[in-house]
Amino acid sequence: MRDNSNFRKNDHKNDSRNGNRKDERHGRSLGRVSDRYNSREDDRKRRPVRDMADDAVDEEIEVPENSLAIEGRNAVVEAFRSGKTIDKLYVLDGCTDGAVSTIRREAKKAGTIVKFVSRERLDQISITGKHQGVIAFAAAYDYSEIEDIFSKAEAEGKAPFVLILDNIEDPHNLGAIIRSANVAGAHGVIIPKNRAVGLTATVAKTSAGALNYTPVVKVTNISKTIEDLKKRGMWFVCADMDGKPMYDLDLTGPIGLVIGNEGSGVSRLVREKCDMIASIPVNGEIESLNASVAAGVLAYEIVRQRRMKK
């Protein structure tokens, strides 16, 4: 555990400074907080994000634009218990009292990303100046349910067509995939709760409005979700450069297209649940495509085959 003695020595100094800035902070919008923080950090070398299990202070904080900031222990506990989707939780490193332990348990049950940070970092993003060692950020947009996807397909009189994203971490990729899904006529997008980006303002902006029309469902377990959807008659194909050329596969009917992580691709457990593995033929020197581009190419091969079968 990192030594917190320096934090304690600076508590009085920070409290004095916070007192002078209390009125200044009050009422500021989250967007302005984000702008202020990002401008300070532009020229600093950022450390890689650590996992909670590393038991170390994570000095990097990303403030989701236009998200709902929830500060204070009681407010954060009630947010979790009410079922609100919390994308990220920042906790003061070294704080282990009962209330914070309760919050961490709720976060674990909800699959929320938890980061341990210094008091200085929390002070920088706090709007109220009364964060009590915890600040949570709720999703900017509501998530849909699996049934919403099937209802949309039924209303259009078409076989269900969904995209399942296995741990996409880049909000620009997620936004672009949602946009491609909408244009290709997919009935929804499914993403995991853990180790993946949620519906932030950056995702909404990159989707160019598609987020308002395409249901996005967040699930706990992608593999289990695929199993459940198979029982409803769906087939699944995942993208992998070692698979069969997409032109040689039957991609018609009720189908789910699985796109993997930007770096590692589709995880082994998820790939094993898929019925087919599709590759995109490449003719240049570069052997792989960006995740969002691959999603668009494969989605339109599904569209092409569906049109040809009519």
Protein backbone atom coordinates (compact mmCIF):
# COMPACT_ATOMS: atom_id res chain seq x y z
CA MET A 1 0.00 0.00 0.00
CA ARG A 2 1.30 3.37 -0.90
CA ASP A 3 2.35 5.57 2.04
CA ASN A 4 -0.36 8.15 2.67
CA SER A 5 1.68 10.23 5.12
CA ASN A 6 2.15 12.99 2.59
CA PHE A 7 -1.61 13.19 2.10
CA ARG A 8 -2.12 13.59 5.85
CA LYS A 9 0.51 16.29 6.11
CA ASN A 10 -1.22 18.22 3.38
CA ASP A 11 -4.75 17.78 4.73
CA HIS A 12 -4.70 21.05 6.70
CA LYS A 13 -3.16 22.89 3.82
CA ASN A 14 -5.71 21.44 1.39
CA ASP A 15 -8.62 22.17 3.72
CA SER A 16 -7.54 25.81 3.96
CA ARG A 17 -7.22 26.12 0.23
CA ASN A 18 -10.53 24.30 -0.30
CA GLY A 19 -12.23 26.70 2.09
CA ASN A 20 -11.12 29.68 0.04
CA ARG A 21 -12.28 28.01 -3.15
CA LYS A 22 -15.55 26.58 -1.83
CA ASP A 23 -17.75 29.35 -3.19
CA GLU A 24 -15.86 29.39 -6.43
CA ARG A 25 -16.44 25.65 -6.93
CA HIS A 26 -20.10 25.65 -6.03
CA GLY A 27 -22.39 25.60 -9.03
CA ARG A 28 -19.77 24.94 -11.67
CA SER A 29 -20.87 22.58 -14.39
CA LEU A 30 -19.20 19.22 -14.83
CA GLY A 31 -18.14 20.24 -18.30
CA ARG A 32 -16.14 23.19 -16.91
CA VAL A 33 -14.58 20.90 -14.30
CA SER A 34 -13.56 18.53 -17.08
CA ASP A 35 -12.12 21.36 -19.16
CA ARG A 36 -10.14 22.70 -16.20
CA TYR A 37 -8.75 19.30 -15.31
CA ASN A 38 -7.88 18.35 -18.87
CA SER A 39 -6.07 21.63 -19.49
CA ARG A 40 -3.87 21.00 -16.45
CA GLU A 41 -3.08 17.48 -17.53
CA ASP A 42 -2.36 18.08 -21.23
CA ASP A 43 1.38 18.51 -20.73
CA ARG A 44 1.81 15.87 -18.04
CA LYS A 45 2.93 12.33 -18.68
CA ARG A 46 -0.05 10.14 -17.82
CA ARG A 47 0.43 6.81 -16.10
CA PRO A 48 -1.32 3.68 -17.30
CA VAL A 49 -4.57 2.80 -15.53
CA ARG A 50 -4.08 0.20 -12.78
CA ASP A 51 -6.55 -2.43 -11.82
CA MET A 52 -8.16 -2.35 -8.38
CA ALA A 53 -6.26 -5.50 -7.43
CA ASP A 54 -2.94 -3.69 -7.83
CA ASP A 55 -3.53 -2.00 -4.47
CA ALA A 56 -1.94 1.27 -5.63
CA VAL A 57 -2.96 4.86 -6.20
CA ASP A 58 -4.14 5.61 -9.72
CA GLU A 59 -3.12 9.19 -10.48
CA GLU A 60 -5.13 9.32 -13.70
CA ILE A 61 -8.74 10.51 -13.65
CA GLU A 62 -10.96 10.71 -16.69
CA VAL A 63 -14.08 12.81 -16.21
CA PRO A 64 -16.83 11.51 -18.52
CA GLU A 65 -18.28 14.49 -20.35
CA ASN A 66 -21.90 15.35 -19.53
CA SER A 67 -22.16 12.49 -17.07
CA LEU A 68 -23.99 12.94 -13.80
CA ALA A 69 -21.47 13.48 -10.99
CA ILE A 70 -22.56 12.03 -7.64
CA GLU A 71 -20.55 13.10 -4.60
CA GLY A 72 -20.73 12.08 -0.96
CA ARG A 73 -21.06 8.69 0.69
CA ASN A 74 -24.82 8.59 1.25
CA ALA A 75 -25.57 9.90 -2.24
CA VAL A 76 -23.32 7.31 -3.88
CA VAL A 77 -24.74 4.41 -1.82
CA GLU A 78 -28.31 5.40 -2.71
CA ALA A 79 -27.39 5.75 -6.38
CA PHE A 80 -26.16 2.16 -6.44
CA ARG A 81 -29.12 0.85 -4.47
CA SER A 82 -31.62 2.61 -6.72
CA GLY A 83 -30.26 0.72 -9.71
CA LYS A 84 -28.73 3.73 -11.43
CA THR A 85 -25.97 2.75 -13.85
CA ILE A 86 -22.64 3.95 -12.47
CA ASP A 87 -19.81 3.81 -15.00
CA LYS A 88 -16.91 4.82 -12.75
CA LEU A 89 -16.28 5.24 -9.05
CA TYR A 90 -13.30 7.12 -7.61
CA VAL A 91 -12.36 6.38 -4.00
CA LEU A 92 -9.78 8.05 -1.75
CA ASP A 93 -6.83 5.72 -1.47
CA GLY A 94 -6.41 4.27 2.01
CA CYS A 95 -10.00 4.98 3.09
CA THR A 96 -11.42 1.74 4.51
CA ASP A 97 -14.17 2.72 6.95
CA GLY A 98 -17.59 1.13 7.00
CA ALA A 99 -19.38 3.50 4.62
CA VAL A 100 -16.68 3.25 1.98
CA SER A 101 -16.56 -0.55 2.34
CA THR A 102 -20.32 -0.62 1.72
CA ILE A 103 -19.88 1.49 -1.41
CA ARG A 104 -17.16 -0.80 -2.69
CA ARG A 105 -19.41 -3.84 -2.17
CA GLU A 106 -22.23 -2.17 -4.08
CA ALA A 107 -19.82 -1.24 -6.87
CA LYS A 108 -18.59 -4.83 -7.11
CA LYS A 109 -22.16 -6.16 -7.36
CA ALA A 110 -22.94 -3.61 -10.09
CA GLY A 111 -19.75 -4.33 -12.03
CA THR A 112 -18.62 -0.71 -11.76
CA ILE A 113 -15.02 0.25 -12.50
CA VAL A 114 -13.36 1.39 -9.23
CA LYS A 115 -10.24 3.56 -9.14
CA PHE A 116 -8.23 4.55 -6.05
CA VAL A 117 -6.89 8.11 -6.21
CA SER A 118 -5.26 10.73 -4.02
CA ARG A 119 -7.16 13.45 -2.16
CA GLU A 120 -5.66 16.05 -4.45
CA ARG A 121 -7.14 14.34 -7.50
CA LEU A 122 -10.59 14.10 -5.91
CA ASP A 123 -10.42 17.77 -4.93
CA GLN A 124 -9.64 18.71 -8.51
CA ILE A 125 -12.82 17.17 -9.95
CA SER A 126 -15.13 17.85 -7.02
CA ILE A 127 -17.91 20.33 -7.76
CA THR A 128 -19.36 20.60 -4.26
CA GLY A 129 -16.08 20.41 -2.32
CA LYS A 130 -17.77 17.81 -0.09
CA HIS A 131 -16.96 14.54 -1.82
CA GLN A 132 -16.17 12.68 1.47
CA GLY A 133 -13.64 10.56 -0.37
CA VAL A 134 -15.99 9.21 -3.07
CA ILE A 135 -17.13 10.54 -6.44
CA ALA A 136 -19.21 8.47 -8.86
CA PHE A 137 -20.15 9.15 -12.46
CA ALA A 138 -23.47 7.86 -13.77
CA ALA A 139 -24.10 7.01 -17.40
CA ALA A 140 -25.15 9.95 -19.52
CA TYR A 141 -27.68 7.82 -21.42
CA ASP A 142 -30.07 5.07 -20.43
CA TYR A 143 -29.47 1.48 -21.48
CA SER A 144 -32.06 -0.73 -23.15
CA GLU A 145 -33.09 -4.32 -22.47
CA ILE A 146 -32.69 -7.44 -24.61
CA GLU A 147 -36.43 -7.45 -25.22
CA ASP A 148 -36.17 -4.00 -26.81
CA ILE A 149 -33.97 -5.51 -29.53
CA PHE A 150 -36.44 -8.30 -30.30
CA SER A 151 -39.37 -5.88 -30.24
CA LYS A 152 -37.61 -3.64 -32.76
CA ALA A 153 -36.92 -6.58 -35.08
CA GLU A 154 -40.51 -7.80 -34.76
CA ALA A 155 -41.90 -4.34 -35.53
CA GLU A 156 -39.84 -4.26 -38.73
CA GLY A 157 -40.83 -7.80 -39.67
CA LYS A 158 -37.19 -8.90 -39.91
CA ALA A 159 -34.96 -11.55 -38.36
CA PRO A 160 -33.04 -10.10 -35.40
CA PHE A 161 -29.61 -8.67 -36.21
CA VAL A 162 -27.41 -7.57 -33.30
CA LEU A 163 -23.81 -6.58 -32.73
CA ILE A 164 -22.10 -7.89 -29.61
CA LEU A 165 -18.95 -6.07 -28.50
CA ASP A 166 -16.41 -7.98 -26.45
CA ASN A 167 -14.67 -5.37 -24.27
CA ILE A 168 -14.41 -2.40 -26.62
CA GLU A 169 -12.52 0.24 -24.60
CA ASP A 170 -12.26 3.23 -26.95
CA PRO A 171 -15.36 5.49 -26.83
CA HIS A 172 -14.73 6.60 -30.42
CA ASN A 173 -14.79 2.98 -31.58
CA LEU A 174 -18.00 2.30 -29.67
CA GLY A 175 -19.66 5.40 -31.11
CA ALA A 176 -18.59 4.50 -34.64
CA ILE A 177 -19.85 0.92 -34.25
CA ILE A 178 -23.25 2.10 -33.01
CA ARG A 179 -23.42 4.40 -36.02
CA SER A 180 -22.55 1.56 -38.42
CA ALA A 181 -25.05 -0.73 -36.67
CA ASN A 182 -27.82 1.79 -37.18
CA VAL A 183 -27.04 2.45 -40.84
CA ALA A 184 -26.77 -1.30 -41.54
CA GLY A 185 -30.18 -1.87 -39.98
CA ALA A 186 -29.02 -3.78 -36.90
CA HIS A 187 -31.63 -3.95 -34.17
CA GLY A 188 -29.30 -3.33 -31.26
CA VAL A 189 -25.83 -3.43 -29.76
CA ILE A 190 -24.82 -5.44 -26.69
CA ILE A 191 -21.85 -4.46 -24.51
CA PRO A 192 -20.43 -5.88 -21.25
CA LYS A 193 -20.58 -4.16 -17.87
CA ASN A 194 -16.94 -4.73 -17.02
CA ARG A 195 -13.68 -3.71 -18.68
CA ALA A 196 -15.43 -1.79 -21.44
CA VAL A 197 -16.48 1.76 -22.22
CA GLY A 198 -20.07 2.77 -21.45
CA LEU A 199 -22.40 5.31 -23.02
CA THR A 200 -20.50 8.54 -22.49
CA ALA A 201 -21.02 11.84 -24.26
CA THR A 202 -18.03 11.04 -26.50
CA VAL A 203 -19.76 7.84 -27.61
CA ALA A 204 -22.98 9.74 -28.29
CA LYS A 205 -21.17 12.39 -30.31
CA THR A 206 -19.22 9.85 -32.38
CA SER A 207 -22.42 7.91 -33.10
CA ALA A 208 -23.75 11.02 -34.88
CA GLY A 209 -27.17 10.62 -33.28
CA ALA A 210 -27.47 6.85 -33.86
CA LEU A 211 -27.51 6.32 -30.10
CA ASN A 212 -30.99 7.84 -30.03
CA TYR A 213 -32.33 5.14 -32.35
CA THR A 214 -30.25 2.04 -31.69
CA PRO A 215 -30.87 0.12 -28.44
CA VAL A 216 -27.68 -0.49 -26.46
CA VAL A 217 -27.87 -3.23 -23.84
CA LYS A 218 -25.32 -3.71 -21.06
CA VAL A 219 -24.97 -7.28 -19.78
CA THR A 220 -22.94 -8.93 -17.04
CA ASN A 221 -21.64 -11.87 -19.07
CA ILE A 222 -21.25 -11.90 -22.85
CA SER A 223 -20.82 -15.70 -23.08
CA LYS A 224 -23.97 -16.33 -21.05
CA THR A 225 -25.89 -13.80 -23.14
CA ILE A 226 -24.88 -15.60 -26.34
CA GLU A 227 -26.08 -18.89 -24.86
CA ASP A 228 -29.42 -17.33 -23.93
CA LEU A 229 -29.88 -15.79 -27.38
CA LYS A 230 -29.07 -19.10 -29.06
CA LYS A 231 -32.07 -20.59 -27.27
CA ARG A 232 -34.14 -17.95 -29.06
CA GLY A 233 -32.95 -19.13 -32.45
CA MET A 234 -30.00 -16.84 -33.08
CA TRP A 235 -26.67 -17.77 -34.70
CA PHE A 236 -23.39 -16.04 -33.93
CA VAL A 237 -20.36 -15.15 -36.00
CA CYS A 238 -17.25 -13.52 -34.59
CA ALA A 239 -14.58 -11.55 -36.38
CA ASP A 240 -11.11 -13.09 -36.39
CA MET A 241 -8.33 -12.91 -38.98
CA ASP A 242 -7.86 -16.70 -38.71
CA GLY A 243 -11.46 -17.48 -39.65
CA LYS A 244 -13.07 -18.39 -42.97
CA PRO A 245 -13.51 -15.59 -45.54
CA MET A 246 -16.79 -13.85 -44.83
CA TYR A 247 -17.98 -14.47 -48.42
CA ASP A 248 -17.87 -18.23 -47.81
CA LEU A 249 -20.21 -18.17 -44.80
CA ASP A 250 -23.99 -18.08 -44.60
CA LEU A 251 -24.65 -14.91 -42.62
CA THR A 252 -28.41 -14.74 -43.18
CA GLY A 253 -31.22 -15.34 -40.71
CA PRO A 254 -31.30 -14.22 -37.06
CA ILE A 255 -27.68 -13.40 -36.41
CA GLY A 256 -25.32 -11.80 -33.94
CA LEU A 257 -22.01 -10.30 -35.05
CA VAL A 258 -19.32 -10.39 -32.36
CA ILE A 259 -16.50 -7.82 -32.50
CA GLY A 260 -13.54 -8.11 -30.14
CA ASN A 261 -11.29 -5.81 -28.18
CA GLU A 262 -9.11 -3.37 -30.11
CA GLY A 263 -5.91 -5.12 -29.10
CA SER A 264 -6.65 -8.74 -28.21
CA GLY A 265 -9.71 -9.41 -30.36
CA VAL A 266 -12.54 -11.71 -29.32
CA SER A 267 -11.77 -13.52 -26.06
CA ARG A 268 -11.35 -17.30 -26.16
CA LEU A 269 -14.45 -18.06 -24.09
CA VAL A 270 -16.65 -15.85 -26.27
CA ARG A 271 -15.15 -17.21 -29.50
CA GLU A 272 -15.93 -20.76 -28.40
CA LYS A 273 -19.60 -19.83 -28.02
CA CYS A 274 -19.82 -18.60 -31.63
CA ASP A 275 -21.07 -20.81 -34.46
CA MET A 276 -18.84 -19.28 -37.14
CA ILE A 277 -15.59 -17.35 -37.34
CA ALA A 278 -15.33 -14.86 -40.17
CA SER A 279 -12.29 -13.12 -41.60
CA ILE A 280 -12.18 -10.08 -43.84
CA PRO A 281 -10.01 -10.63 -46.93
CA VAL A 282 -7.13 -8.15 -47.07
CA ASN A 283 -5.05 -7.24 -50.09
CA GLY A 284 -2.56 -4.75 -48.70
CA GLU A 285 0.45 -4.88 -46.45
CA ILE A 286 -1.58 -4.19 -43.29
CA GLU A 287 -3.24 -7.37 -42.05
CA SER A 288 -5.86 -6.03 -39.66
CA LEU A 289 -8.55 -3.37 -39.48
CA ASN A 290 -9.68 -1.03 -36.74
CA ALA A 291 -12.46 -2.60 -34.65
CA SER A 292 -15.10 -0.13 -35.82
CA VAL A 293 -14.10 -0.52 -39.49
CA ALA A 294 -14.19 -4.32 -39.20
CA ALA A 295 -17.64 -4.09 -37.63
CA GLY A 296 -18.87 -1.95 -40.53
CA VAL A 297 -17.43 -4.25 -43.20
CA LEU A 298 -18.90 -7.41 -41.67
CA ALA A 299 -22.23 -5.75 -40.92
CA TYR A 300 -22.61 -4.84 -44.58
CA GLU A 301 -21.68 -8.34 -45.70
CA ILE A 302 -24.64 -9.47 -43.59
CA VAL A 303 -26.78 -6.81 -45.28
CA ARG A 304 -25.59 -7.94 -48.73
CA GLN A 305 -26.36 -11.60 -48.09
CA ARG A 306 -29.78 -10.76 -46.70
CA ARG A 307 -30.62 -8.78 -49.84
CA MET A 308 -29.38 -11.55 -52.11
CA LYS A 309 -31.56 -14.14 -50.35
CA LYS A 310 -34.80 -12.21 -50.86
